[in-house]
Amino acid sequence: MKNKLFPIGIGSGLAVIIVIYSIIQDSFSLFALSNRFFLTGLPFLIIGILLWIFSSGFFDYFQHSMHQAFSRKQKKKSEFQSLSQVGQGRYAFWLIVAAVLIAASIICALLVIF
């Protein structure tokens, strides 16, 4: 449970910072908040999805083939870390922060409509 609270806290903290920034800039409207929440959550979403795809092992065979092709000239075989090990379990942090910010963006957008 502690693992899930940390990204939720970071997402909520970023949401509070965005609201404070909007108040300081005198552009406090639900439409502007929706845009700012979405644009702040988008990089978190992109990084989280990339790490999720890498951790699935989808690119491991391609990475292994490329490593063999480029290391043929070397006499000593170098060790490499597969992409599925790089993002293993780390994508959840990025996706949870993105979910908090994009959910806030959707709520603000729905409030603008109604």
C-alpha atoms as a PDB file:
ATOM      1  CA  MET A   1       0.000   0.000   0.000  1.00  0.00           C
ATOM      2  CA  LYS A   2       2.913   2.315   0.723  1.00  0.00           C
ATOM      3  CA  ASN A   3       4.106   1.918  -2.872  1.00  0.00           C
ATOM      4  CA  LYS A   4       0.790   3.202  -4.238  1.00  0.00           C
ATOM      5  CA  LEU A   5       0.527   6.167  -1.872  1.00  0.00           C
ATOM      6  CA  PHE A   6       3.814   7.754  -2.953  1.00  0.00           C
ATOM      7  CA  PRO A   7       2.856   8.312  -6.634  1.00  0.00           C
ATOM      8  CA  ILE A   8      -0.649   9.382  -5.616  1.00  0.00           C
ATOM      9  CA  GLY A   9       0.931  11.929  -3.265  1.00  0.00           C
ATOM     10  CA  ILE A  10       3.224  13.200  -6.010  1.00  0.00           C
ATOM     11  CA  GLY A  11       0.316  13.492  -8.460  1.00  0.00           C
ATOM     12  CA  SER A  12      -1.801  15.310  -5.883  1.00  0.00           C
ATOM     13  CA  GLY A  13       1.106  17.593  -5.024  1.00  0.00           C
ATOM     14  CA  LEU A  14       1.583  18.451  -8.684  1.00  0.00           C
ATOM     15  CA  ALA A  15      -2.149  19.171  -8.961  1.00  0.00           C
ATOM     16  CA  VAL A  16      -1.950  21.567  -6.007  1.00  0.00           C
ATOM     17  CA  ILE A  17       1.093  23.275  -7.539  1.00  0.00           C
ATOM     18  CA  ILE A  18      -0.782  23.662 -10.836  1.00  0.00           C
ATOM     19  CA  VAL A  19      -3.778  25.215  -9.055  1.00  0.00           C
ATOM     20  CA  ILE A  20      -1.494  27.631  -7.157  1.00  0.00           C
ATOM     21  CA  TYR A  21       0.306  28.520 -10.399  1.00  0.00           C
ATOM     22  CA  SER A  22      -3.028  29.211 -12.107  1.00  0.00           C
ATOM     23  CA  ILE A  23      -4.104  31.481  -9.245  1.00  0.00           C
ATOM     24  CA  ILE A  24      -0.806  33.376  -9.368  1.00  0.00           C
ATOM     25  CA  GLN A  25      -1.041  33.812 -13.156  1.00  0.00           C
ATOM     26  CA  ASP A  26      -4.634  35.130 -12.893  1.00  0.00           C
ATOM     27  CA  SER A  27      -5.829  32.455 -15.321  1.00  0.00           C
ATOM     28  CA  PHE A  28      -7.866  30.415 -12.878  1.00  0.00           C
ATOM     29  CA  SER A  29     -10.553  28.840 -15.030  1.00  0.00           C
ATOM     30  CA  LEU A  30     -11.615  25.238 -15.288  1.00  0.00           C
ATOM     31  CA  PHE A  31     -10.662  25.143 -18.958  1.00  0.00           C
ATOM     32  CA  ALA A  32      -7.128  26.384 -18.259  1.00  0.00           C
ATOM     33  CA  LEU A  33      -6.799  23.979 -15.314  1.00  0.00           C
ATOM     34  CA  SER A  34      -7.924  21.084 -17.500  1.00  0.00           C
ATOM     35  CA  ASN A  35      -5.305  21.940 -20.109  1.00  0.00           C
ATOM     36  CA  ARG A  36      -2.537  22.340 -17.529  1.00  0.00           C
ATOM     37  CA  PHE A  37      -3.393  19.078 -15.769  1.00  0.00           C
ATOM     38  CA  PHE A  38      -3.390  17.209 -19.059  1.00  0.00           C
ATOM     39  CA  LEU A  39      -0.169  18.726 -20.358  1.00  0.00           C
ATOM     40  CA  THR A  40       1.580  18.004 -17.059  1.00  0.00           C
ATOM     41  CA  GLY A  41       0.295  14.415 -16.971  1.00  0.00           C
ATOM     42  CA  LEU A  42       1.149  13.659 -20.597  1.00  0.00           C
ATOM     43  CA  PRO A  43       4.941  13.169 -20.117  1.00  0.00           C
ATOM     44  CA  PHE A  44       4.242  10.863 -17.166  1.00  0.00           C
ATOM     45  CA  LEU A  45       1.836   8.884 -19.345  1.00  0.00           C
ATOM     46  CA  ILE A  46       4.304   8.609 -22.235  1.00  0.00           C
ATOM     47  CA  ILE A  47       7.179   7.461 -20.006  1.00  0.00           C
ATOM     48  CA  GLY A  48       4.922   4.999 -18.172  1.00  0.00           C
ATOM     49  CA  ILE A  49       3.614   3.455 -21.390  1.00  0.00           C
ATOM     50  CA  LEU A  50       7.129   3.151 -22.841  1.00  0.00           C
ATOM     51  CA  LEU A  51       8.404   1.430 -19.696  1.00  0.00           C
ATOM     52  CA  TRP A  52       5.352  -0.845 -19.696  1.00  0.00           C
ATOM     53  CA  ILE A  53       5.982  -1.893 -23.305  1.00  0.00           C
ATOM     54  CA  PHE A  54       9.690  -2.423 -22.637  1.00  0.00           C
ATOM     55  CA  SER A  55       8.996  -4.535 -19.544  1.00  0.00           C
ATOM     56  CA  SER A  56       6.628  -6.779 -21.499  1.00  0.00           C
ATOM     57  CA  GLY A  57       9.596  -8.229 -23.419  1.00  0.00           C
ATOM     58  CA  PHE A  58       8.275  -7.130 -26.801  1.00  0.00           C
ATOM     59  CA  PHE A  59      11.635  -5.703 -27.942  1.00  0.00           C
ATOM     60  CA  ASP A  60      13.941  -8.274 -26.299  1.00  0.00           C
ATOM     61  CA  TYR A  61      14.415 -10.408 -29.405  1.00  0.00           C
ATOM     62  CA  PHE A  62      15.141  -7.354 -31.556  1.00  0.00           C
ATOM     63  CA  GLN A  63      17.590  -6.016 -28.955  1.00  0.00           C
ATOM     64  CA  HIS A  64      19.334  -9.390 -28.735  1.00  0.00           C
ATOM     65  CA  SER A  65      19.664  -9.588 -32.539  1.00  0.00           C
ATOM     66  CA  MET A  66      21.056  -6.067 -32.763  1.00  0.00           C
ATOM     67  CA  HIS A  67      23.503  -6.774 -29.935  1.00  0.00           C
ATOM     68  CA  GLN A  68      24.762  -9.877 -31.734  1.00  0.00           C
ATOM     69  CA  ALA A  69      25.068  -8.041 -35.058  1.00  0.00           C
ATOM     70  CA  PHE A  70      27.081  -5.159 -33.622  1.00  0.00           C
ATOM     71  CA  SER A  71      29.272  -7.237 -31.320  1.00  0.00           C
ATOM     72  CA  ARG A  72      30.524  -9.719 -33.944  1.00  0.00           C
ATOM     73  CA  LYS A  73      33.718  -7.744 -34.475  1.00  0.00           C
ATOM     74  CA  GLN A  74      34.552  -7.748 -30.782  1.00  0.00           C
ATOM     75  CA  LYS A  75      36.475 -10.711 -29.446  1.00  0.00           C
ATOM     76  CA  LYS A  76      35.118 -10.320 -25.949  1.00  0.00           C
ATOM     77  CA  LYS A  77      31.353 -10.608 -25.670  1.00  0.00           C
ATOM     78  CA  SER A  78      29.909  -7.785 -23.619  1.00  0.00           C
ATOM     79  CA  GLU A  79      26.992  -8.337 -21.311  1.00  0.00           C
ATOM     80  CA  PHE A  80      23.845  -6.326 -21.853  1.00  0.00           C
ATOM     81  CA  GLN A  81      20.711  -5.768 -19.885  1.00  0.00           C
ATOM     82  CA  SER A  82      17.521  -6.593 -21.738  1.00  0.00           C
ATOM     83  CA  LEU A  83      14.854  -3.944 -22.053  1.00  0.00           C
ATOM     84  CA  SER A  84      12.376  -6.100 -20.146  1.00  0.00           C
ATOM     85  CA  GLN A  85      14.606  -5.806 -17.070  1.00  0.00           C
ATOM     86  CA  VAL A  86      14.987  -2.040 -17.384  1.00  0.00           C
ATOM     87  CA  GLY A  87      11.332  -1.117 -16.846  1.00  0.00           C
ATOM     88  CA  GLN A  88      10.439  -4.055 -14.625  1.00  0.00           C
ATOM     89  CA  GLY A  89       7.959  -2.771 -12.051  1.00  0.00           C
ATOM     90  CA  ARG A  90       8.891   0.884 -12.507  1.00  0.00           C
ATOM     91  CA  TYR A  91       6.142   1.756 -14.936  1.00  0.00           C
ATOM     92  CA  ALA A  92       3.417   1.720 -12.268  1.00  0.00           C
ATOM     93  CA  PHE A  93       4.817   4.866 -10.609  1.00  0.00           C
ATOM     94  CA  TRP A  94       4.647   6.868 -13.832  1.00  0.00           C
ATOM     95  CA  LEU A  95       1.207   5.575 -14.773  1.00  0.00           C
ATOM     96  CA  ILE A  96      -0.310   6.323 -11.361  1.00  0.00           C
ATOM     97  CA  VAL A  97       0.964   9.920 -11.389  1.00  0.00           C
ATOM     98  CA  ALA A  98      -0.389  10.305 -14.931  1.00  0.00           C
ATOM     99  CA  ALA A  99      -3.734   8.810 -13.887  1.00  0.00           C
ATOM    100  CA  VAL A 100      -4.114  11.325 -11.043  1.00  0.00           C
ATOM    101  CA  LEU A 101      -3.346  14.301 -13.270  1.00  0.00           C
ATOM    102  CA  ILE A 102      -5.403  13.149 -16.248  1.00  0.00           C
ATOM    103  CA  ALA A 103      -8.344  12.286 -13.970  1.00  0.00           C
ATOM    104  CA  ALA A 104      -8.184  15.844 -12.607  1.00  0.00           C
ATOM    105  CA  SER A 105      -8.091  17.087 -16.210  1.00  0.00           C
ATOM    106  CA  ILE A 106     -11.161  15.053 -17.135  1.00  0.00           C
ATOM    107  CA  ILE A 107     -13.065  16.249 -14.057  1.00  0.00           C
ATOM    108  CA  CYS A 108     -12.294  19.888 -14.908  1.00  0.00           C
ATOM    109  CA  ALA A 109     -13.303  19.319 -18.534  1.00  0.00           C
ATOM    110  CA  LEU A 110     -16.605  17.754 -17.477  1.00  0.00           C
ATOM    111  CA  LEU A 111     -17.285  20.675 -15.149  1.00  0.00           C
ATOM    112  CA  VAL A 112     -16.664  23.077 -18.038  1.00  0.00           C
ATOM    113  CA  ILE A 113     -19.195  21.247 -20.180  1.00  0.00           C
ATOM    114  CA  PHE A 114     -21.913  21.194 -17.510  1.00  0.00           C
END
